[in-house]
C-alpha atoms as a PDB file:
ATOM      1  CA  MET A   1      85.741 125.189  70.335  1.00  0.00           C
ATOM      2  CA  ASN A   2      89.203 124.168  69.077  1.00  0.00           C
ATOM      3  CA  ASP A   3      90.543 127.641  69.871  1.00  0.00           C
ATOM      4  CA  THR A   4      89.720 127.283  73.577  1.00  0.00           C
ATOM      5  CA  LYS A   5      92.768 128.128  75.661  1.00  0.00           C
ATOM      6  CA  ARG A   6      91.696 128.588  79.284  1.00  0.00           C
ATOM      7  CA  ILE A   7      89.440 126.213  81.209  1.00  0.00           C
ATOM      8  CA  LEU A   8      88.360 126.381  84.852  1.00  0.00           C
ATOM      9  CA  ILE A   9      87.186 123.164  86.547  1.00  0.00           C
ATOM     10  CA  ILE A  10      85.153 123.795  89.702  1.00  0.00           C
ATOM     11  CA  ARG A  11      85.077 120.855  92.129  1.00  0.00           C
ATOM     12  CA  PRO A  12      85.632 122.291  95.618  1.00  0.00           C
ATOM     13  CA  ARG A  13      85.171 119.045  97.556  1.00  0.00           C
ATOM     14  CA  PHE A  14      85.225 116.086  98.460  1.00  0.00           C
ATOM     15  CA  LEU A  15      88.552 114.222  98.310  1.00  0.00           C
ATOM     16  CA  GLY A  16      87.324 111.254  96.268  1.00  0.00           C
ATOM     17  CA  ASP A  17      85.382 113.465  93.858  1.00  0.00           C
ATOM     18  CA  ILE A  18      88.378 115.742  93.360  1.00  0.00           C
ATOM     19  CA  VAL A  19      90.599 112.770  92.548  1.00  0.00           C
ATOM     20  CA  LEU A  20      88.002 111.340  90.157  1.00  0.00           C
ATOM     21  CA  ALA A  21      87.799 114.653  88.316  1.00  0.00           C
ATOM     22  CA  THR A  22      91.537 114.707  87.585  1.00  0.00           C
ATOM     23  CA  GLY A  23      90.710 112.451  84.659  1.00  0.00           C
ATOM     24  CA  LEU A  24      88.650 115.262  83.179  1.00  0.00           C
ATOM     25  CA  ALA A  25      91.741 117.462  83.134  1.00  0.00           C
ATOM     26  CA  GLY A  26      93.621 114.636  81.459  1.00  0.00           C
ATOM     27  CA  MET A  27      90.998 114.286  78.744  1.00  0.00           C
ATOM     28  CA  LEU A  28      91.075 118.042  78.100  1.00  0.00           C
ATOM     29  CA  LYS A  29      94.853 117.934  77.709  1.00  0.00           C
ATOM     30  CA  LYS A  30      94.671 114.953  75.345  1.00  0.00           C
ATOM     31  CA  ASN A  31      92.236 116.790  73.082  1.00  0.00           C
ATOM     32  CA  TRP A  32      93.600 120.310  73.505  1.00  0.00           C
ATOM     33  CA  PRO A  33      97.310 119.978  74.456  1.00  0.00           C
ATOM     34  CA  GLN A  34      97.856 123.740  74.479  1.00  0.00           C
ATOM     35  CA  ALA A  35      94.918 124.520  76.760  1.00  0.00           C
ATOM     36  CA  LYS A  36      95.508 125.954  80.220  1.00  0.00           C
ATOM     37  CA  VAL A  37      93.546 123.916  82.775  1.00  0.00           C
ATOM     38  CA  VAL A  38      92.914 125.474  86.183  1.00  0.00           C
ATOM     39  CA  TYR A  39      91.239 123.652  89.086  1.00  0.00           C
ATOM     40  CA  LEU A  40      89.285 125.397  91.884  1.00  0.00           C
ATOM     41  CA  VAL A  41      89.206 123.454  95.180  1.00  0.00           C
ATOM     42  CA  GLU A  42      88.865 124.197  98.866  1.00  0.00           C
ATOM     43  CA  LYS A  43      92.218 125.094 100.362  1.00  0.00           C
ATOM     44  CA  GLN A  44      92.663 121.845 102.332  1.00  0.00           C
ATOM     45  CA  PHE A  45      92.788 119.931  99.027  1.00  0.00           C
ATOM     46  CA  VAL A  46      95.169 122.190  97.115  1.00  0.00           C
ATOM     47  CA  SER A  47      98.316 120.242  98.034  1.00  0.00           C
ATOM     48  CA  ILE A  48      97.197 116.971  96.448  1.00  0.00           C
ATOM     49  CA  LEU A  49      96.915 118.676  93.044  1.00  0.00           C
ATOM     50  CA  GLU A  50     100.210 120.552  93.157  1.00  0.00           C
ATOM     51  CA  SER A  51     102.768 119.607  90.482  1.00  0.00           C
ATOM     52  CA  HIS A  52     100.049 117.821  88.559  1.00  0.00           C
ATOM     53  CA  PRO A  53     101.037 117.262  84.895  1.00  0.00           C
ATOM     54  CA  TRP A  54      97.454 117.845  83.668  1.00  0.00           C
ATOM     55  CA  ILE A  55      96.641 120.870  85.835  1.00  0.00           C
ATOM     56  CA  ASP A  56      98.440 124.123  85.158  1.00  0.00           C
ATOM     57  CA  GLU A  57      97.250 126.001  88.235  1.00  0.00           C
ATOM     58  CA  VAL A  58      95.195 125.373  91.372  1.00  0.00           C
ATOM     59  CA  LEU A  59      92.978 128.084  92.838  1.00  0.00           C
ATOM     60  CA  SER A  60      92.221 127.910  96.551  1.00  0.00           C
ATOM     61  CA  LEU A  61      88.711 128.400  97.908  1.00  0.00           C
ATOM     62  CA  ASP A  62      88.572 129.361 101.600  1.00  0.00           C
ATOM     63  CA  ILE A  63      85.244 127.898 102.728  1.00  0.00           C
ATOM     64  CA  GLY A  64      85.623 129.639 106.089  1.00  0.00           C
ATOM     65  CA  LYS A  65      85.127 132.959 104.280  1.00  0.00           C
ATOM     66  CA  LYS A  66      82.217 131.874 102.122  1.00  0.00           C
ATOM     67  CA  ASN A  67      79.891 134.438 103.740  1.00  0.00           C
ATOM     68  CA  ASN A  68      82.406 137.268 103.479  1.00  0.00           C
ATOM     69  CA  PRO A  69      81.308 139.449 100.512  1.00  0.00           C
ATOM     70  CA  PHE A  70      84.744 141.057 100.180  1.00  0.00           C
ATOM     71  CA  TYR A  71      86.399 137.656  99.880  1.00  0.00           C
ATOM     72  CA  THR A  72      83.833 136.542  97.295  1.00  0.00           C
ATOM     73  CA  MET A  73      84.361 139.729  95.285  1.00  0.00           C
ATOM     74  CA  LYS A  74      88.135 139.204  95.349  1.00  0.00           C
ATOM     75  CA  LEU A  75      87.781 135.570  94.211  1.00  0.00           C
ATOM     76  CA  LEU A  76      85.423 136.616  91.446  1.00  0.00           C
ATOM     77  CA  SER A  77      87.819 139.369  90.371  1.00  0.00           C
ATOM     78  CA  ASP A  78      90.680 136.854  90.221  1.00  0.00           C
ATOM     79  CA  ILE A  79      88.624 134.483  88.072  1.00  0.00           C
ATOM     80  CA  ARG A  80      87.597 137.284  85.710  1.00  0.00           C
ATOM     81  CA  SER A  81      91.198 138.461  85.382  1.00  0.00           C
ATOM     82  CA  MET A  82      92.267 135.021  84.139  1.00  0.00           C
ATOM     83  CA  LYS A  83      89.935 135.406  81.135  1.00  0.00           C
ATOM     84  CA  PHE A  84      88.671 131.846  80.993  1.00  0.00           C
ATOM     85  CA  ASP A  85      86.960 130.587  77.855  1.00  0.00           C
ATOM     86  CA  VAL A  86      85.133 127.730  79.595  1.00  0.00           C
ATOM     87  CA  ILE A  87      83.943 126.898  83.108  1.00  0.00           C
ATOM     88  CA  LEU A  88      83.087 123.306  83.963  1.00  0.00           C
ATOM     89  CA  ASP A  89      81.093 123.378  87.211  1.00  0.00           C
ATOM     90  CA  LEU A  90      81.121 119.805  88.486  1.00  0.00           C
ATOM     91  CA  PHE A  91      79.679 120.719  91.876  1.00  0.00           C
ATOM     92  CA  VAL A  92      76.574 122.619  90.747  1.00  0.00           C
ATOM     93  CA  ASN A  93      75.458 123.877  94.139  1.00  0.00           C
ATOM     94  CA  PRO A  94      73.914 127.350  94.536  1.00  0.00           C
ATOM     95  CA  ARG A  95      77.252 128.955  95.378  1.00  0.00           C
ATOM     96  CA  THR A  96      79.226 127.503  92.461  1.00  0.00           C
ATOM     97  CA  ALA A  97      76.322 128.211  90.086  1.00  0.00           C
ATOM     98  CA  GLN A  98      76.357 131.862  91.167  1.00  0.00           C
ATOM     99  CA  LEU A  99      80.151 132.028  90.881  1.00  0.00           C
ATOM    100  CA  SER A 100      79.961 130.556  87.381  1.00  0.00           C
ATOM    101  CA  PHE A 101      77.323 133.035  86.253  1.00  0.00           C
ATOM    102  CA  LEU A 102      79.027 136.110  87.698  1.00  0.00           C
ATOM    103  CA  SER A 103      82.390 135.117  86.223  1.00  0.00           C
ATOM    104  CA  ARG A 104      81.255 136.380  82.789  1.00  0.00           C
ATOM    105  CA  VAL A 105      82.950 133.379  81.186  1.00  0.00           C
ATOM    106  CA  PRO A 106      81.330 132.899  77.761  1.00  0.00           C
ATOM    107  CA  VAL A 107      80.873 129.103  77.961  1.00  0.00           C
ATOM    108  CA  ARG A 108      79.625 127.801  81.301  1.00  0.00           C
ATOM    109  CA  ILE A 109      78.731 124.112  81.572  1.00  0.00           C
ATOM    110  CA  GLY A 110      76.879 122.508  84.470  1.00  0.00           C
ATOM    111  CA  LEU A 111      73.948 120.185  85.117  1.00  0.00           C
ATOM    112  CA  ASN A 112      70.337 121.052  84.390  1.00  0.00           C
ATOM    113  CA  ARG A 113      69.208 121.208  88.006  1.00  0.00           C
ATOM    114  CA  ARG A 114      66.199 123.055  89.276  1.00  0.00           C
ATOM    115  CA  GLY A 115      66.996 126.551  90.469  1.00  0.00           C
ATOM    116  CA  ARG A 116      70.513 126.540  89.004  1.00  0.00           C
ATOM    117  CA  SER A 117      70.138 126.011  85.271  1.00  0.00           C
ATOM    118  CA  TRP A 118      70.050 129.782  84.689  1.00  0.00           C
ATOM    119  CA  ALA A 119      73.771 129.959  85.521  1.00  0.00           C
ATOM    120  CA  TYR A 120      74.954 127.916  82.545  1.00  0.00           C
ATOM    121  CA  THR A 121      75.130 128.374  78.788  1.00  0.00           C
ATOM    122  CA  LYS A 122      75.297 124.606  78.179  1.00  0.00           C
ATOM    123  CA  PHE A 123      74.498 121.443  80.103  1.00  0.00           C
ATOM    124  CA  ALA A 124      76.556 118.281  80.421  1.00  0.00           C
ATOM    125  CA  GLU A 125      75.150 116.521  77.376  1.00  0.00           C
ATOM    126  CA  SER A 126      71.899 114.816  78.337  1.00  0.00           C
ATOM    127  CA  GLN A 127      71.739 112.848  75.078  1.00  0.00           C
ATOM    128  CA  HIS A 128      75.044 111.185  75.888  1.00  0.00           C
ATOM    129  CA  LEU A 129      73.859 110.301  79.392  1.00  0.00           C
ATOM    130  CA  ALA A 130      70.412 109.169  78.253  1.00  0.00           C
ATOM    131  CA  GLN A 131      72.030 106.402  76.213  1.00  0.00           C
ATOM    132  CA  LEU A 132      73.319 104.790  79.409  1.00  0.00           C
ATOM    133  CA  SER A 133      70.940 102.729  81.547  1.00  0.00           C
ATOM    134  CA  LYS A 134      73.510 102.606  84.329  1.00  0.00           C
ATOM    135  CA  ARG A 135      76.301 105.108  84.477  1.00  0.00           C
ATOM    136  CA  SER A 136      79.267 105.845  86.656  1.00  0.00           C
ATOM    137  CA  VAL A 137      80.381 109.221  87.905  1.00  0.00           C
ATOM    138  CA  ILE A 138      82.900 109.134  85.055  1.00  0.00           C
ATOM    139  CA  ASP A 139      80.051 109.062  82.554  1.00  0.00           C
ATOM    140  CA  ASP A 140      78.722 112.251  84.136  1.00  0.00           C
ATOM    141  CA  TYR A 141      82.094 113.901  83.640  1.00  0.00           C
ATOM    142  CA  LEU A 142      82.296 112.680  80.057  1.00  0.00           C
ATOM    143  CA  GLY A 143      78.992 114.468  79.515  1.00  0.00           C
ATOM    144  CA  TYR A 144      80.843 117.770  80.082  1.00  0.00           C
ATOM    145  CA  LEU A 145      83.308 116.870  77.338  1.00  0.00           C
ATOM    146  CA  TYR A 146      80.496 115.758  75.062  1.00  0.00           C
ATOM    147  CA  ALA A 147      78.922 119.193  75.496  1.00  0.00           C
ATOM    148  CA  LEU A 148      82.196 120.718  74.301  1.00  0.00           C
ATOM    149  CA  GLY A 149      82.351 118.457  71.259  1.00  0.00           C
ATOM    150  CA  ILE A 150      85.430 116.690  72.622  1.00  0.00           C
ATOM    151  CA  SER A 151      86.206 113.056  71.857  1.00  0.00           C
ATOM    152  CA  THR A 152      85.506 110.832  74.849  1.00  0.00           C
ATOM    153  CA  SER A 153      87.120 107.732  73.348  1.00  0.00           C
ATOM    154  CA  LEU A 154      90.714 108.421  74.363  1.00  0.00           C
ATOM    155  CA  GLY A 155      90.506 106.671  77.733  1.00  0.00           C
ATOM    156  CA  TYR A 156      89.643 108.191  81.105  1.00  0.00           C
ATOM    157  CA  SER A 157      92.098 107.677  83.944  1.00  0.00           C
ATOM    158  CA  THR A 158      92.825 109.473  87.196  1.00  0.00           C
ATOM    159  CA  LEU A 159      96.210 110.601  88.454  1.00  0.00           C
ATOM    160  CA  ILE A 160      97.666 111.966  91.671  1.00  0.00           C
ATOM    161  CA  PRO A 161     101.379 112.790  91.406  1.00  0.00           C
ATOM    162  CA  VAL A 162     103.665 111.641  94.198  1.00  0.00           C
ATOM    163  CA  THR A 163     106.648 113.915  94.692  1.00  0.00           C
ATOM    164  CA  HIS A 164     110.133 112.679  95.532  1.00  0.00           C
ATOM    165  CA  THR A 165     109.969 114.387  98.936  1.00  0.00           C
ATOM    166  CA  ALA A 166     106.620 112.798  99.804  1.00  0.00           C
ATOM    167  CA  ARG A 167     107.883 109.394  98.703  1.00  0.00           C
ATOM    168  CA  GLN A 168     110.992 109.689 100.880  1.00  0.00           C
ATOM    169  CA  ASP A 169     108.897 110.778 103.866  1.00  0.00           C
ATOM    170  CA  ALA A 170     106.559 107.829 103.353  1.00  0.00           C
ATOM    171  CA  LEU A 171     109.470 105.409 103.126  1.00  0.00           C
ATOM    172  CA  SER A 172     110.884 106.777 106.378  1.00  0.00           C
ATOM    173  CA  ILE A 173     107.549 106.114 108.126  1.00  0.00           C
ATOM    174  CA  ILE A 174     107.316 102.599 106.707  1.00  0.00           C
ATOM    175  CA  ASN A 175     110.953 101.590 107.208  1.00  0.00           C
ATOM    176  CA  ALA A 176     110.813 102.567 110.881  1.00  0.00           C
ATOM    177  CA  LYS A 177     108.548  99.532 111.489  1.00  0.00           C
ATOM    178  CA  ARG A 178     109.059  97.420 108.370  1.00  0.00           C
ATOM    179  CA  SER A 179     109.222  93.740 109.266  1.00  0.00           C
ATOM    180  CA  LYS A 180     111.739  91.613 107.389  1.00  0.00           C
ATOM    181  CA  ALA A 181     109.725  88.533 108.307  1.00  0.00           C
ATOM    182  CA  LEU A 182     106.675  89.734 106.355  1.00  0.00           C
ATOM    183  CA  GLN A 183     106.978  89.661 102.574  1.00  0.00           C
ATOM    184  CA  HIS A 184     104.153  91.959 101.496  1.00  0.00           C
ATOM    185  CA  LEU A 185     102.776  95.350 102.545  1.00  0.00           C
ATOM    186  CA  VAL A 186      99.056  96.167 102.382  1.00  0.00           C
ATOM    187  CA  ALA A 187      97.436  99.501 103.238  1.00  0.00           C
ATOM    188  CA  LEU A 188      94.168  99.540 105.194  1.00  0.00           C
ATOM    189  CA  ALA A 189      91.874 102.602 105.210  1.00  0.00           C
ATOM    190  CA  PRO A 190      89.108 101.942 107.768  1.00  0.00           C
ATOM    191  CA  GLY A 191      87.582 105.444 107.764  1.00  0.00           C
ATOM    192  CA  ALA A 192      84.593 106.828 105.863  1.00  0.00           C
ATOM    193  CA  SER A 193      82.519 109.999 105.826  1.00  0.00           C
ATOM    194  CA  TRP A 194      79.200 108.183 106.413  1.00  0.00           C
ATOM    195  CA  PRO A 195      78.665 105.863 109.403  1.00  0.00           C
ATOM    196  CA  SER A 196      76.915 103.376 107.100  1.00  0.00           C
ATOM    197  CA  LYS A 197      80.036 103.101 104.914  1.00  0.00           C
ATOM    198  CA  HIS A 198      82.126 101.704 107.767  1.00  0.00           C
ATOM    199  CA  TRP A 199      82.938  98.014 107.510  1.00  0.00           C
ATOM    200  CA  GLY A 200      84.029  98.299 111.144  1.00  0.00           C
ATOM    201  CA  ILE A 201      87.427  98.776 112.736  1.00  0.00           C
ATOM    202  CA  HIS A 202      87.044  95.416 114.508  1.00  0.00           C
ATOM    203  CA  ARG A 203      86.932  93.702 111.116  1.00  0.00           C
ATOM    204  CA  PHE A 204      89.935  95.637 109.842  1.00  0.00           C
ATOM    205  CA  ILE A 205      91.807  94.577 112.981  1.00  0.00           C
ATOM    206  CA  ASP A 206      90.839  90.943 112.402  1.00  0.00           C
ATOM    207  CA  LEU A 207      91.875  91.322 108.768  1.00  0.00           C
ATOM    208  CA  ALA A 208      95.312  92.627 109.771  1.00  0.00           C
ATOM    209  CA  VAL A 209      95.771  89.685 112.138  1.00  0.00           C
ATOM    210  CA  GLN A 210      94.896  87.199 109.396  1.00  0.00           C
ATOM    211  CA  LEU A 211      97.078  88.994 106.860  1.00  0.00           C
ATOM    212  CA  GLU A 212     100.089  88.691 109.133  1.00  0.00           C
ATOM    213  CA  LYS A 213      99.540  84.922 109.292  1.00  0.00           C
ATOM    214  CA  ASN A 214      99.842  84.984 105.509  1.00  0.00           C
ATOM    215  CA  GLY A 215     103.096  86.945 105.538  1.00  0.00           C
ATOM    216  CA  ILE A 216     101.527  90.350 104.948  1.00  0.00           C
ATOM    217  CA  GLN A 217     102.240  93.480 106.982  1.00  0.00           C
ATOM    218  CA  SER A 218      99.511  96.105 107.426  1.00  0.00           C
ATOM    219  CA  ILE A 219      99.796  99.863 107.358  1.00  0.00           C
ATOM    220  CA  PHE A 220      96.721 101.670 108.668  1.00  0.00           C
ATOM    221  CA  VAL A 221      96.075 105.127 107.195  1.00  0.00           C
ATOM    222  CA  LEU A 222      93.588 107.240 109.142  1.00  0.00           C
ATOM    223  CA  GLY A 223      92.193 110.738 108.802  1.00  0.00           C
ATOM    224  CA  PRO A 224      91.099 113.478 111.208  1.00  0.00           C
ATOM    225  CA  LYS A 225      87.622 111.935 111.624  1.00  0.00           C
ATOM    226  CA  ASP A 226      89.022 108.499 112.478  1.00  0.00           C
ATOM    227  CA  GLN A 227      90.293 109.185 115.977  1.00  0.00           C
ATOM    228  CA  ALA A 228      88.093 106.524 117.601  1.00  0.00           C
ATOM    229  CA  GLU A 229      89.709 103.968 115.294  1.00  0.00           C
ATOM    230  CA  VAL A 230      93.165 105.347 116.089  1.00  0.00           C
ATOM    231  CA  SER A 231      92.465 104.929 119.806  1.00  0.00           C
ATOM    232  CA  GLN A 232      91.472 101.273 119.383  1.00  0.00           C
ATOM    233  CA  LEU A 233      94.536 100.512 117.292  1.00  0.00           C
ATOM    234  CA  ASN A 234      96.847 102.208 119.782  1.00  0.00           C
ATOM    235  CA  GLN A 235      95.332 100.215 122.632  1.00  0.00           C
ATOM    236  CA  ILE A 236      96.227  96.992 120.840  1.00  0.00           C
ATOM    237  CA  ASN A 237      99.734  98.311 120.073  1.00  0.00           C
ATOM    238  CA  HIS A 238     100.549  95.464 117.716  1.00  0.00           C
ATOM    239  CA  PRO A 239     104.312  95.401 117.067  1.00  0.00           C
ATOM    240  CA  SER A 240     104.185  94.949 113.281  1.00  0.00           C
ATOM    241  CA  TRP A 241     101.294  97.273 112.431  1.00  0.00           C
ATOM    242  CA  ILE A 242     102.216 100.657 111.026  1.00  0.00           C
ATOM    243  CA  ILE A 243      99.647 103.219 112.172  1.00  0.00           C
ATOM    244  CA  VAL A 244      99.718 106.598 110.443  1.00  0.00           C
ATOM    245  CA  ASN A 245      97.366 109.128 112.003  1.00  0.00           C
ATOM    246  CA  ASN A 246      96.178 112.050 109.868  1.00  0.00           C
ATOM    247  CA  PRO A 247      99.039 112.349 107.366  1.00  0.00           C
ATOM    248  CA  SER A 248      99.085 115.213 104.905  1.00  0.00           C
ATOM    249  CA  LEU A 249      97.378 114.436 101.607  1.00  0.00           C
ATOM    250  CA  LYS A 250     100.746 114.266  99.869  1.00  0.00           C
ATOM    251  CA  ILE A 251     102.056 111.753 102.399  1.00  0.00           C
ATOM    252  CA  LEU A 252      98.786 109.800 102.248  1.00  0.00           C
ATOM    253  CA  GLY A 253      99.199 109.351  98.498  1.00  0.00           C
ATOM    254  CA  ALA A 254     102.842 108.331  98.917  1.00  0.00           C
ATOM    255  CA  LEU A 255     102.037 105.807 101.650  1.00  0.00           C
ATOM    256  CA  ILE A 256      99.309 104.202  99.561  1.00  0.00           C
ATOM    257  CA  GLN A 257     101.662 104.077  96.566  1.00  0.00           C
ATOM    258  CA  GLN A 258     104.201 102.071  98.588  1.00  0.00           C
ATOM    259  CA  ALA A 259     101.650  99.359  99.376  1.00  0.00           C
ATOM    260  CA  GLU A 260     100.987  96.458  97.027  1.00  0.00           C
ATOM    261  CA  ILE A 261      97.249  96.618  97.716  1.00  0.00           C
ATOM    262  CA  LEU A 262      94.922  99.170  99.296  1.00  0.00           C
ATOM    263  CA  ILE A 263      91.817  97.912 101.115  1.00  0.00           C
ATOM    264  CA  SER A 264      89.448 100.794 101.761  1.00  0.00           C
ATOM    265  CA  ASN A 265      85.888 101.620 102.620  1.00  0.00           C
ATOM    266  CA  ASP A 266      83.980 103.651 100.041  1.00  0.00           C
ATOM    267  CA  ALA A 267      85.799 106.898 100.854  1.00  0.00           C
ATOM    268  CA  GLY A 268      88.448 109.329  99.622  1.00  0.00           C
ATOM    269  CA  PRO A 269      91.505 107.070 100.090  1.00  0.00           C
ATOM    270  CA  MET A 270      89.823 104.415  97.916  1.00  0.00           C
ATOM    271  CA  HIS A 271      90.103 106.753  94.926  1.00  0.00           C
ATOM    272  CA  ILE A 272      93.697 107.687  95.694  1.00  0.00           C
ATOM    273  CA  GLY A 273      94.746 104.048  95.237  1.00  0.00           C
ATOM    274  CA  PRO A 274      94.119 103.779  91.486  1.00  0.00           C
ATOM    275  CA  ALA A 275      95.337 107.364  91.001  1.00  0.00           C
ATOM    276  CA  VAL A 276      98.800 106.499  92.382  1.00  0.00           C
ATOM    277  CA  GLY A 277      98.963 103.077  90.716  1.00  0.00           C
ATOM    278  CA  THR A 278      98.165 100.809  93.681  1.00  0.00           C
ATOM    279  CA  THR A 279      95.794  97.889  93.192  1.00  0.00           C
ATOM    280  CA  THR A 280      92.685  98.787  95.163  1.00  0.00           C
ATOM    281  CA  LEU A 281      89.946  96.727  96.786  1.00  0.00           C
ATOM    282  CA  GLY A 282      86.900  98.856  97.661  1.00  0.00           C
ATOM    283  CA  ILE A 283      84.351  97.795 100.278  1.00  0.00           C
ATOM    284  CA  PHE A 284      80.812  98.922  99.470  1.00  0.00           C
ATOM    285  CA  GLY A 285      77.597  99.100 101.479  1.00  0.00           C
ATOM    286  CA  PRO A 286      75.072 101.876 100.767  1.00  0.00           C
ATOM    287  CA  GLY A 287      77.006 103.164  97.761  1.00  0.00           C
ATOM    288  CA  ASN A 288      76.764 101.479  94.368  1.00  0.00           C
ATOM    289  CA  PRO A 289      80.143 100.376  92.960  1.00  0.00           C
ATOM    290  CA  GLU A 290      78.739 100.636  89.408  1.00  0.00           C
ATOM    291  CA  ILE A 291      78.581 104.378  90.051  1.00  0.00           C
ATOM    292  CA  TRP A 292      81.427 105.014  92.479  1.00  0.00           C
ATOM    293  CA  PHE A 293      84.039 102.411  91.547  1.00  0.00           C
ATOM    294  CA  PRO A 294      84.796 103.146  87.882  1.00  0.00           C
ATOM    295  CA  TYR A 295      88.029 101.145  87.854  1.00  0.00           C
ATOM    296  CA  ALA A 296      89.042  98.137  85.804  1.00  0.00           C
ATOM    297  CA  VAL A 297      90.934  95.009  86.849  1.00  0.00           C
ATOM    298  CA  PRO A 298      93.225  94.629  88.780  1.00  0.00           C
ATOM    299  CA  HIS A 299      91.137  96.970  90.956  1.00  0.00           C
ATOM    300  CA  GLN A 300      88.103  95.264  92.475  1.00  0.00           C
ATOM    301  CA  SER A 301      85.095  96.100  94.604  1.00  0.00           C
ATOM    302  CA  ILE A 302      83.271  93.885  97.054  1.00  0.00           C
ATOM    303  CA  HIS A 303      79.705  94.142  98.324  1.00  0.00           C
ATOM    304  CA  ALA A 304      77.036  91.915  99.811  1.00  0.00           C
ATOM    305  CA  VAL A 305      73.791  91.145  98.009  1.00  0.00           C
ATOM    306  CA  VAL A 306      71.030  91.891 100.501  1.00  0.00           C
ATOM    307  CA  PRO A 307      67.482  93.251  99.955  1.00  0.00           C
ATOM    308  CA  CYS A 308      68.553  96.778 100.894  1.00  0.00           C
ATOM    309  CA  SER A 309      71.839  96.877  98.950  1.00  0.00           C
ATOM    310  CA  PHE A 310      72.886 100.317  97.645  1.00  0.00           C
ATOM    311  CA  CYS A 311      70.251 102.114  99.729  1.00  0.00           C
ATOM    312  CA  GLY A 312      72.230 105.379  99.657  1.00  0.00           C
ATOM    313  CA  MET A 313      71.545 106.044 103.345  1.00  0.00           C
ATOM    314  CA  ASP A 314      74.268 107.744 105.385  1.00  0.00           C
ATOM    315  CA  PHE A 315      73.146 106.028 108.603  1.00  0.00           C
ATOM    316  CA  CYS A 316      71.721 102.556 109.187  1.00  0.00           C
ATOM    317  CA  SER A 317      70.808 100.743 112.399  1.00  0.00           C
ATOM    318  CA  LEU A 318      70.979  97.314 110.726  1.00  0.00           C
ATOM    319  CA  MET A 319      74.196  97.430 108.636  1.00  0.00           C
ATOM    320  CA  ALA A 320      73.211  94.131 107.017  1.00  0.00           C
ATOM    321  CA  CYS A 321      75.240  94.876 103.891  1.00  0.00           C
ATOM    322  CA  MET A 322      78.467  95.294 105.844  1.00  0.00           C
ATOM    323  CA  ASP A 323      77.767  92.408 108.210  1.00  0.00           C
ATOM    324  CA  HIS A 324      77.581  90.028 105.245  1.00  0.00           C
ATOM    325  CA  ILE A 325      81.090  90.921 104.047  1.00  0.00           C
ATOM    326  CA  THR A 326      83.506  88.592 105.830  1.00  0.00           C
ATOM    327  CA  VAL A 327      87.197  88.859 106.600  1.00  0.00           C
ATOM    328  CA  GLN A 328      87.731  85.572 104.793  1.00  0.00           C
ATOM    329  CA  GLN A 329      86.232  86.999 101.601  1.00  0.00           C
ATOM    330  CA  LEU A 330      88.781  89.793 101.656  1.00  0.00           C
ATOM    331  CA  ILE A 331      91.635  87.413 102.480  1.00  0.00           C
ATOM    332  CA  SER A 332      90.663  85.335  99.466  1.00  0.00           C
ATOM    333  CA  LYS A 333      90.615  88.361  97.138  1.00  0.00           C
ATOM    334  CA  ILE A 334      93.911  89.670  98.498  1.00  0.00           C
ATOM    335  CA  SER A 335      95.559  86.270  97.999  1.00  0.00           C
ATOM    336  CA  GLN A 336      94.285  86.167  94.411  1.00  0.00           C
ATOM    337  CA  ILE A 337      95.670  89.614  93.693  1.00  0.00           C
ATOM    338  CA  LEU A 338      99.076  88.890  95.217  1.00  0.00           C
ATOM    339  CA  SER A 339      99.362  85.609  93.341  1.00  0.00           C
END
């Protein structure tokens, strides 16, 4: 496989998964420096991968046209015209399996899942994964490299580039409310895709109040699904809090990069932190940090040990795991990191 030149990575969504998979592109480039690595994502995520040093091109998938046969035929024609040698389907849903199969790419690697295995010529190496009693999502990705005969010992890291323009825009947002009386800047990301992954905006508010007493200014970064949280923050209208509602993905990465620490629920922004070089503290409830927080110190995760820890449920009426994580625990970890 050393003569492989063109590789397509398919990971259409979600934000955190897309960021995590950038390390796969990095590993491919380390092993095959001359390879052309192309990434297929839904169009709302294209911007975060632009100007990426490990990704030569980004293909846009318009999910709004997924049932349009003419659009699908055009996308398939574009993929065929690029003459890929390898497809790495990280998503492995029926649509991406079909796209992989119809692409006519000679080497197609996915997971051996029922009803989809027919689409692939190889599977992410099961022998490699079977050796691990507990594995992170990174181990799953390394299985794709193992199937290609690529060395997985070179070090897996994620990366999101921050452009000069995005950095300047982020600085303008921050400097408009930067407090000279507060020494440090911490980013808070209180949103999450699952209700059960929310630590609670009331706790993030309490955390910001306590941080200010310790000389730390808070910048809240919120997405399009976090408008209830935005409303509560705006009602408080705290003079030193910087509230950024629904920034572009490029600006989001730049804002997080400017902070000394990112405190985030188990969600997309949590993965942006390490990828832009910001020390990240991830708050976990139903998700297992051994799987979804594959980051080394100084990055840290926090979770409560309760009978139902890591249940994997997207909704919970009890929320015992989150209720057992206190503001003081986070203050203590933040103080340790800053010191």
